Amino acid sequence: MEITVNSIGLQENPEIDKMDVQVSFYKQIETYGFSAEVTVWIPKRDAPISELRKEAIQAALDFLKEAQAAHSA
């Protein structure tokens, strides 16, 4: 599965101390392609981009797992 971070942005509202991150998931299976896009908000901080991407991807995966569990219940 291909997982990419499309963008990392800062919220314009100073009361929200978060960065919004767009994470995309894509998988090709035979003739079908599947994709999902998830927006996550992670704490605003000064860190290397690679660290922010890793945190955002993990947050997106956790969200998708929670959504799947809620749907299965």
PDB file of N, CA and C in Angstrom:
ATOM      1  N   MET A   1       0.850  -1.176   0.000  1.00  0.00           N
ATOM      2  CA  MET A   1       0.000   0.000   0.000  1.00  0.00           C
ATOM      3  C   MET A   1       0.890   1.231   0.000  1.00  0.00           C
ATOM      4  N   GLU A   2       0.505   2.180  -0.786  1.00  0.00           N
ATOM      5  CA  GLU A   2       1.239   3.450  -0.859  1.00  0.00           C
ATOM      6  C   GLU A   2       0.579   4.449   0.094  1.00  0.00           C
ATOM      7  N   ILE A   3       1.372   5.021   0.984  1.00  0.00           N
ATOM      8  CA  ILE A   3       0.872   6.017   1.937  1.00  0.00           C
ATOM      9  C   ILE A   3       1.698   7.279   1.750  1.00  0.00           C
ATOM     10  N   THR A   4       1.021   8.400   1.503  1.00  0.00           N
ATOM     11  CA  THR A   4       1.733   9.656   1.296  1.00  0.00           C
ATOM     12  C   THR A   4       1.112  10.763   2.143  1.00  0.00           C
ATOM     13  N   VAL A   5       1.946  11.709   2.513  1.00  0.00           N
ATOM     14  CA  VAL A   5       1.478  12.925   3.174  1.00  0.00           C
ATOM     15  C   VAL A   5       1.452  14.001   2.100  1.00  0.00           C
ATOM     16  N   ASN A   6       0.251  14.501   1.813  1.00  0.00           N
ATOM     17  CA  ASN A   6       0.094  15.476   0.733  1.00  0.00           C
ATOM     18  C   ASN A   6       0.407  16.897   1.164  1.00  0.00           C
ATOM     19  N   SER A   7       0.049  17.234   2.389  1.00  0.00           N
ATOM     20  CA  SER A   7       0.305  18.602   2.841  1.00  0.00           C
ATOM     21  C   SER A   7       0.291  18.675   4.360  1.00  0.00           C
ATOM     22  N   ILE A   8       1.032  19.634   4.862  1.00  0.00           N
ATOM     23  CA  ILE A   8       1.032  19.954   6.289  1.00  0.00           C
ATOM     24  C   ILE A   8       0.773  21.450   6.379  1.00  0.00           C
ATOM     25  N   GLY A   9      -0.319  21.822   7.025  1.00  0.00           N
ATOM     26  CA  GLY A   9      -0.671  23.235   7.097  1.00  0.00           C
ATOM     27  C   GLY A   9      -0.926  23.681   8.518  1.00  0.00           C
ATOM     28  N   LEU A  10      -0.809  24.957   8.741  1.00  0.00           N
ATOM     29  CA  LEU A  10      -1.081  25.531  10.057  1.00  0.00           C
ATOM     30  C   LEU A  10      -2.492  26.091  10.072  1.00  0.00           C
ATOM     31  N   GLN A  11      -3.170  25.919  11.179  1.00  0.00           N
ATOM     32  CA  GLN A  11      -4.497  26.493  11.340  1.00  0.00           C
ATOM     33  C   GLN A  11      -4.365  28.013  11.428  1.00  0.00           C
ATOM     34  N   GLU A  12      -5.289  28.722  10.798  1.00  0.00           N
ATOM     35  CA  GLU A  12      -5.250  30.183  10.838  1.00  0.00           C
ATOM     36  C   GLU A  12      -5.787  30.730  12.157  1.00  0.00           C
ATOM     37  N   ASN A  13      -6.540  29.942  12.875  1.00  0.00           N
ATOM     38  CA  ASN A  13      -7.100  30.361  14.154  1.00  0.00           C
ATOM     39  C   ASN A  13      -6.037  30.173  15.236  1.00  0.00           C
ATOM     40  N   PRO A  14      -5.555  31.250  15.864  1.00  0.00           N
ATOM     41  CA  PRO A  14      -4.491  31.127  16.869  1.00  0.00           C
ATOM     42  C   PRO A  14      -4.920  30.352  18.117  1.00  0.00           C
ATOM     43  N   GLU A  15      -6.224  30.198  18.333  1.00  0.00           N
ATOM     44  CA  GLU A  15      -6.698  29.438  19.485  1.00  0.00           C
ATOM     45  C   GLU A  15      -6.544  27.930  19.280  1.00  0.00           C
ATOM     46  N   ILE A  16      -6.378  27.510  18.043  1.00  0.00           N
ATOM     47  CA  ILE A  16      -6.197  26.090  17.733  1.00  0.00           C
ATOM     48  C   ILE A  16      -4.714  25.854  17.502  1.00  0.00           C
ATOM     49  N   ASP A  17      -4.087  25.166  18.423  1.00  0.00           N
ATOM     50  CA  ASP A  17      -2.644  24.944  18.358  1.00  0.00           C
ATOM     51  C   ASP A  17      -2.348  23.610  17.668  1.00  0.00           C
ATOM     52  N   LYS A  18      -2.841  23.481  16.433  1.00  0.00           N
ATOM     53  CA  LYS A  18      -2.699  22.226  15.691  1.00  0.00           C
ATOM     54  C   LYS A  18      -2.264  22.500  14.255  1.00  0.00           C
ATOM     55  N   MET A  19      -1.716  21.470  13.634  1.00  0.00           N
ATOM     56  CA  MET A  19      -1.406  21.484  12.203  1.00  0.00           C
ATOM     57  C   MET A  19      -2.332  20.477  11.540  1.00  0.00           C
ATOM     58  N   ASP A  20      -2.921  20.852  10.409  1.00  0.00           N
ATOM     59  CA  ASP A  20      -3.741  19.885   9.692  1.00  0.00           C
ATOM     60  C   ASP A  20      -2.881  19.212   8.627  1.00  0.00           C
ATOM     61  N   VAL A  21      -2.995  17.896   8.556  1.00  0.00           N
ATOM     62  CA  VAL A  21      -2.168  17.100   7.659  1.00  0.00           C
ATOM     63  C   VAL A  21      -3.075  16.217   6.809  1.00  0.00           C
ATOM     64  N   GLN A  22      -2.854  16.237   5.502  1.00  0.00           N
ATOM     65  CA  GLN A  22      -3.600  15.406   4.559  1.00  0.00           C
ATOM     66  C   GLN A  22      -2.793  14.143   4.281  1.00  0.00           C
ATOM     67  N   VAL A  23      -3.357  12.983   4.623  1.00  0.00           N
ATOM     68  CA  VAL A  23      -2.686  11.699   4.418  1.00  0.00           C
ATOM     69  C   VAL A  23      -3.503  10.897   3.407  1.00  0.00           C
ATOM     70  N   SER A  24      -2.834  10.360   2.375  1.00  0.00           N
ATOM     71  CA  SER A  24      -3.499   9.564   1.344  1.00  0.00           C
ATOM     72  C   SER A  24      -3.022   8.123   1.383  1.00  0.00           C
ATOM     73  N   PHE A  25      -3.960   7.222   1.154  1.00  0.00           N
ATOM     74  CA  PHE A  25      -3.679   5.793   1.082  1.00  0.00           C
ATOM     75  C   PHE A  25      -4.117   5.310  -0.298  1.00  0.00           C
ATOM     76  N   TYR A  26      -3.297   4.476  -0.938  1.00  0.00           N
ATOM     77  CA  TYR A  26      -3.649   3.959  -2.261  1.00  0.00           C
ATOM     78  C   TYR A  26      -3.144   2.532  -2.402  1.00  0.00           C
ATOM     79  N   LYS A  27      -3.993   1.692  -2.986  1.00  0.00           N
ATOM     80  CA  LYS A  27      -3.585   0.315  -3.253  1.00  0.00           C
ATOM     81  C   LYS A  27      -4.224  -0.146  -4.550  1.00  0.00           C
ATOM     82  N   GLN A  28      -3.423  -0.736  -5.401  1.00  0.00           N
ATOM     83  CA  GLN A  28      -3.895  -1.311  -6.656  1.00  0.00           C
ATOM     84  C   GLN A  28      -4.015  -2.817  -6.460  1.00  0.00           C
ATOM     85  N   ILE A  29      -5.204  -3.377  -6.701  1.00  0.00           N
ATOM     86  CA  ILE A  29      -5.425  -4.822  -6.632  1.00  0.00           C
ATOM     87  C   ILE A  29      -6.007  -5.246  -7.968  1.00  0.00           C
ATOM     88  N   GLU A  30      -5.202  -5.984  -8.717  1.00  0.00           N
ATOM     89  CA  GLU A  30      -5.576  -6.426 -10.056  1.00  0.00           C
ATOM     90  C   GLU A  30      -6.040  -5.220 -10.871  1.00  0.00           C
ATOM     91  N   THR A  31      -7.293  -5.203 -11.291  1.00  0.00           N
ATOM     92  CA  THR A  31      -7.753  -4.100 -12.138  1.00  0.00           C
ATOM     93  C   THR A  31      -8.404  -2.971 -11.343  1.00  0.00           C
ATOM     94  N   TYR A  32      -8.488  -3.119 -10.024  1.00  0.00           N
ATOM     95  CA  TYR A  32      -9.140  -2.106  -9.199  1.00  0.00           C
ATOM     96  C   TYR A  32      -8.116  -1.286  -8.428  1.00  0.00           C
ATOM     97  N   GLY A  33      -8.433  -0.032  -8.248  1.00  0.00           N
ATOM     98  CA  GLY A  33      -7.608   0.838  -7.416  1.00  0.00           C
ATOM     99  C   GLY A  33      -8.459   1.353  -6.267  1.00  0.00           C
ATOM    100  N   PHE A  34      -7.888   1.384  -5.096  1.00  0.00           N
ATOM    101  CA  PHE A  34      -8.604   1.846  -3.910  1.00  0.00           C
ATOM    102  C   PHE A  34      -7.825   2.994  -3.288  1.00  0.00           C
ATOM    103  N   SER A  35      -8.546   4.016  -2.836  1.00  0.00           N
ATOM    104  CA  SER A  35      -7.861   5.129  -2.187  1.00  0.00           C
ATOM    105  C   SER A  35      -8.722   5.685  -1.062  1.00  0.00           C
ATOM    106  N   ALA A  36      -8.037   6.307  -0.125  1.00  0.00           N
ATOM    107  CA  ALA A  36      -8.709   7.001   0.973  1.00  0.00           C
ATOM    108  C   ALA A  36      -7.859   8.204   1.327  1.00  0.00           C
ATOM    109  N   GLU A  37      -8.513   9.275   1.712  1.00  0.00           N
ATOM    110  CA  GLU A  37      -7.810  10.473   2.165  1.00  0.00           C
ATOM    111  C   GLU A  37      -8.304  10.794   3.566  1.00  0.00           C
ATOM    112  N   VAL A  38      -7.372  11.058   4.453  1.00  0.00           N
ATOM    113  CA  VAL A  38      -7.707  11.346   5.848  1.00  0.00           C
ATOM    114  C   VAL A  38      -7.023  12.651   6.240  1.00  0.00           C
ATOM    115  N   THR A  39      -7.770  13.526   6.896  1.00  0.00           N
ATOM    116  CA  THR A  39      -7.191  14.742   7.462  1.00  0.00           C
ATOM    117  C   THR A  39      -7.047  14.523   8.959  1.00  0.00           C
ATOM    118  N   VAL A  40      -5.841  14.731   9.458  1.00  0.00           N
ATOM    119  CA  VAL A  40      -5.595  14.613  10.896  1.00  0.00           C
ATOM    120  C   VAL A  40      -5.051  15.941  11.401  1.00  0.00           C
ATOM    121  N   TRP A  41      -5.267  16.200  12.667  1.00  0.00           N
ATOM    122  CA  TRP A  41      -4.736  17.401  13.309  1.00  0.00           C
ATOM    123  C   TRP A  41      -3.760  16.949  14.377  1.00  0.00           C
ATOM    124  N   ILE A  42      -2.519  17.355  14.232  1.00  0.00           N
ATOM    125  CA  ILE A  42      -1.483  16.989  15.191  1.00  0.00           C
ATOM    126  C   ILE A  42      -1.007  18.259  15.895  1.00  0.00           C
ATOM    127  N   PRO A  43      -0.430  18.112  17.080  1.00  0.00           N
ATOM    128  CA  PRO A  43       0.037  19.295  17.808  1.00  0.00           C
ATOM    129  C   PRO A  43       1.062  20.099  17.000  1.00  0.00           C
ATOM    130  N   LYS A  44       0.891  21.408  17.028  1.00  0.00           N
ATOM    131  CA  LYS A  44       1.818  22.307  16.340  1.00  0.00           C
ATOM    132  C   LYS A  44       3.130  22.335  17.108  1.00  0.00           C
ATOM    133  N   ARG A  45       4.230  22.052  16.412  1.00  0.00           N
ATOM    134  CA  ARG A  45       5.541  22.078  17.063  1.00  0.00           C
ATOM    135  C   ARG A  45       6.632  22.161  16.016  1.00  0.00           C
ATOM    136  N   ASP A  46       7.786  22.554  16.466  1.00  0.00           N
ATOM    137  CA  ASP A  46       8.948  22.653  15.594  1.00  0.00           C
ATOM    138  C   ASP A  46       9.656  21.301  15.616  1.00  0.00           C
ATOM    139  N   ALA A  47       9.529  20.549  14.530  1.00  0.00           N
ATOM    140  CA  ALA A  47      10.127  19.214  14.445  1.00  0.00           C
ATOM    141  C   ALA A  47      10.483  18.945  12.991  1.00  0.00           C
ATOM    142  N   PRO A  48      11.374  18.003  12.748  1.00  0.00           N
ATOM    143  CA  PRO A  48      11.697  17.649  11.364  1.00  0.00           C
ATOM    144  C   PRO A  48      10.446  17.153  10.630  1.00  0.00           C
ATOM    145  N   ILE A  49      10.369  17.473   9.347  1.00  0.00           N
ATOM    146  CA  ILE A  49       9.226  17.057   8.526  1.00  0.00           C
ATOM    147  C   ILE A  49       9.023  15.547   8.600  1.00  0.00           C
ATOM    148  N   SER A  50      10.110  14.786   8.585  1.00  0.00           N
ATOM    149  CA  SER A  50       9.982  13.321   8.622  1.00  0.00           C
ATOM    150  C   SER A  50       9.263  12.863   9.890  1.00  0.00           C
ATOM    151  N   GLU A  51       9.525  13.521  10.998  1.00  0.00           N
ATOM    152  CA  GLU A  51       8.871  13.178  12.263  1.00  0.00           C
ATOM    153  C   GLU A  51       7.388  13.550  12.230  1.00  0.00           C
ATOM    154  N   LEU A  52       7.076  14.713  11.666  1.00  0.00           N
ATOM    155  CA  LEU A  52       5.678  15.135  11.556  1.00  0.00           C
ATOM    156  C   LEU A  52       4.906  14.187  10.644  1.00  0.00           C
ATOM    157  N   ARG A  53       5.526  13.784   9.536  1.00  0.00           N
ATOM    158  CA  ARG A  53       4.870  12.840   8.619  1.00  0.00           C
ATOM    159  C   ARG A  53       4.595  11.511   9.308  1.00  0.00           C
ATOM    160  N   LYS A  54       5.583  10.997  10.025  1.00  0.00           N
ATOM    161  CA  LYS A  54       5.426   9.721  10.725  1.00  0.00           C
ATOM    162  C   LYS A  54       4.281   9.803  11.733  1.00  0.00           C
ATOM    163  N   GLU A  55       4.232  10.890  12.494  1.00  0.00           N
ATOM    164  CA  GLU A  55       3.167  11.079  13.482  1.00  0.00           C
ATOM    165  C   GLU A  55       1.795  11.165  12.809  1.00  0.00           C
ATOM    166  N   ALA A  56       1.720  11.891  11.694  1.00  0.00           N
ATOM    167  CA  ALA A  56       0.447  12.049  10.987  1.00  0.00           C
ATOM    168  C   ALA A  56      -0.030  10.724  10.399  1.00  0.00           C
ATOM    169  N   ILE A  57       0.881   9.958   9.817  1.00  0.00           N
ATOM    170  CA  ILE A  57       0.505   8.659   9.250  1.00  0.00           C
ATOM    171  C   ILE A  57      -0.003   7.738  10.350  1.00  0.00           C
ATOM    172  N   GLN A  58       0.677   7.710  11.483  1.00  0.00           N
ATOM    173  CA  GLN A  58       0.226   6.860  12.589  1.00  0.00           C
ATOM    174  C   GLN A  58      -1.143   7.302  13.096  1.00  0.00           C
ATOM    175  N   ALA A  59      -1.362   8.608  13.194  1.00  0.00           N
ATOM    176  CA  ALA A  59      -2.663   9.120  13.642  1.00  0.00           C
ATOM    177  C   ALA A  59      -3.761   8.731  12.653  1.00  0.00           C
ATOM    178  N   ALA A  60      -3.465   8.804  11.352  1.00  0.00           N
ATOM    179  CA  ALA A  60      -4.445   8.429  10.332  1.00  0.00           C
ATOM    180  C   ALA A  60      -4.749   6.933  10.400  1.00  0.00           C
ATOM    181  N   LEU A  61      -3.717   6.104  10.563  1.00  0.00           N
ATOM    182  CA  LEU A  61      -3.928   4.657  10.689  1.00  0.00           C
ATOM    183  C   LEU A  61      -4.773   4.330  11.919  1.00  0.00           C
ATOM    184  N   ASP A  62      -4.479   4.984  13.032  1.00  0.00           N
ATOM    185  CA  ASP A  62      -5.254   4.765  14.258  1.00  0.00           C
ATOM    186  C   ASP A  62      -6.718   5.142  14.046  1.00  0.00           C
ATOM    187  N   PHE A  63      -6.951   6.252  13.347  1.00  0.00           N
ATOM    188  CA  PHE A  63      -8.315   6.698  13.066  1.00  0.00           C
ATOM    189  C   PHE A  63      -9.053   5.682  12.202  1.00  0.00           C
ATOM    190  N   LEU A  64      -8.394   5.187  11.152  1.00  0.00           N
ATOM    191  CA  LEU A  64      -9.036   4.213  10.270  1.00  0.00           C
ATOM    192  C   LEU A  64      -9.347   2.908  11.005  1.00  0.00           C
ATOM    193  N   LYS A  65      -8.453   2.479  11.879  1.00  0.00           N
ATOM    194  CA  LYS A  65      -8.708   1.269  12.677  1.00  0.00           C
ATOM    195  C   LYS A  65      -9.913   1.472  13.589  1.00  0.00           C
ATOM    196  N   GLU A  66      -9.993   2.646  14.204  1.00  0.00           N
ATOM    197  CA  GLU A  66     -11.125   2.949  15.081  1.00  0.00           C
ATOM    198  C   GLU A  66     -12.430   2.999  14.289  1.00  0.00           C
ATOM    199  N   ALA A  67     -12.382   3.579  13.100  1.00  0.00           N
ATOM    200  CA  ALA A  67     -13.572   3.645  12.248  1.00  0.00           C
ATOM    201  C   ALA A  67     -14.014   2.241  11.836  1.00  0.00           C
ATOM    202  N   GLN A  68     -13.062   1.389  11.503  1.00  0.00           N
ATOM    203  CA  GLN A  68     -13.388   0.020  11.119  1.00  0.00           C
ATOM    204  C   GLN A  68     -14.002  -0.740  12.292  1.00  0.00           C
ATOM    205  N   ALA A  69     -13.438  -0.567  13.478  1.00  0.00           N
ATOM    206  CA  ALA A  69     -13.963  -1.248  14.663  1.00  0.00           C
ATOM    207  C   ALA A  69     -15.388  -0.785  14.968  1.00  0.00           C
ATOM    208  N   ALA A  70     -15.653   0.502  14.818  1.00  0.00           N
ATOM    209  CA  ALA A  70     -16.990   1.035  15.076  1.00  0.00           C
ATOM    210  C   ALA A  70     -17.989   0.494  14.060  1.00  0.00           C
ATOM    211  N   HIS A  71     -17.537   0.325  12.828  1.00  0.00           N
ATOM    212  CA  HIS A  71     -18.413  -0.188  11.770  1.00  0.00           C
ATOM    213  C   HIS A  71     -18.707  -1.672  11.985  1.00  0.00           C
ATOM    214  N   SER A  72     -17.745  -2.408  12.513  1.00  0.00           N
ATOM    215  CA  SER A  72     -17.889  -3.850  12.720  1.00  0.00           C
ATOM    216  C   SER A  72     -18.744  -4.187  13.939  1.00  0.00           C
ATOM    217  N   ALA A  73     -18.891  -3.228  14.833  1.00  0.00           N
ATOM    218  CA  ALA A  73     -19.620  -3.498  16.088  1.00  0.00           C
ATOM    219  C   ALA A  73     -21.110  -3.608  15.872  1.00  0.00           C
TER     220      ALA A  73
END
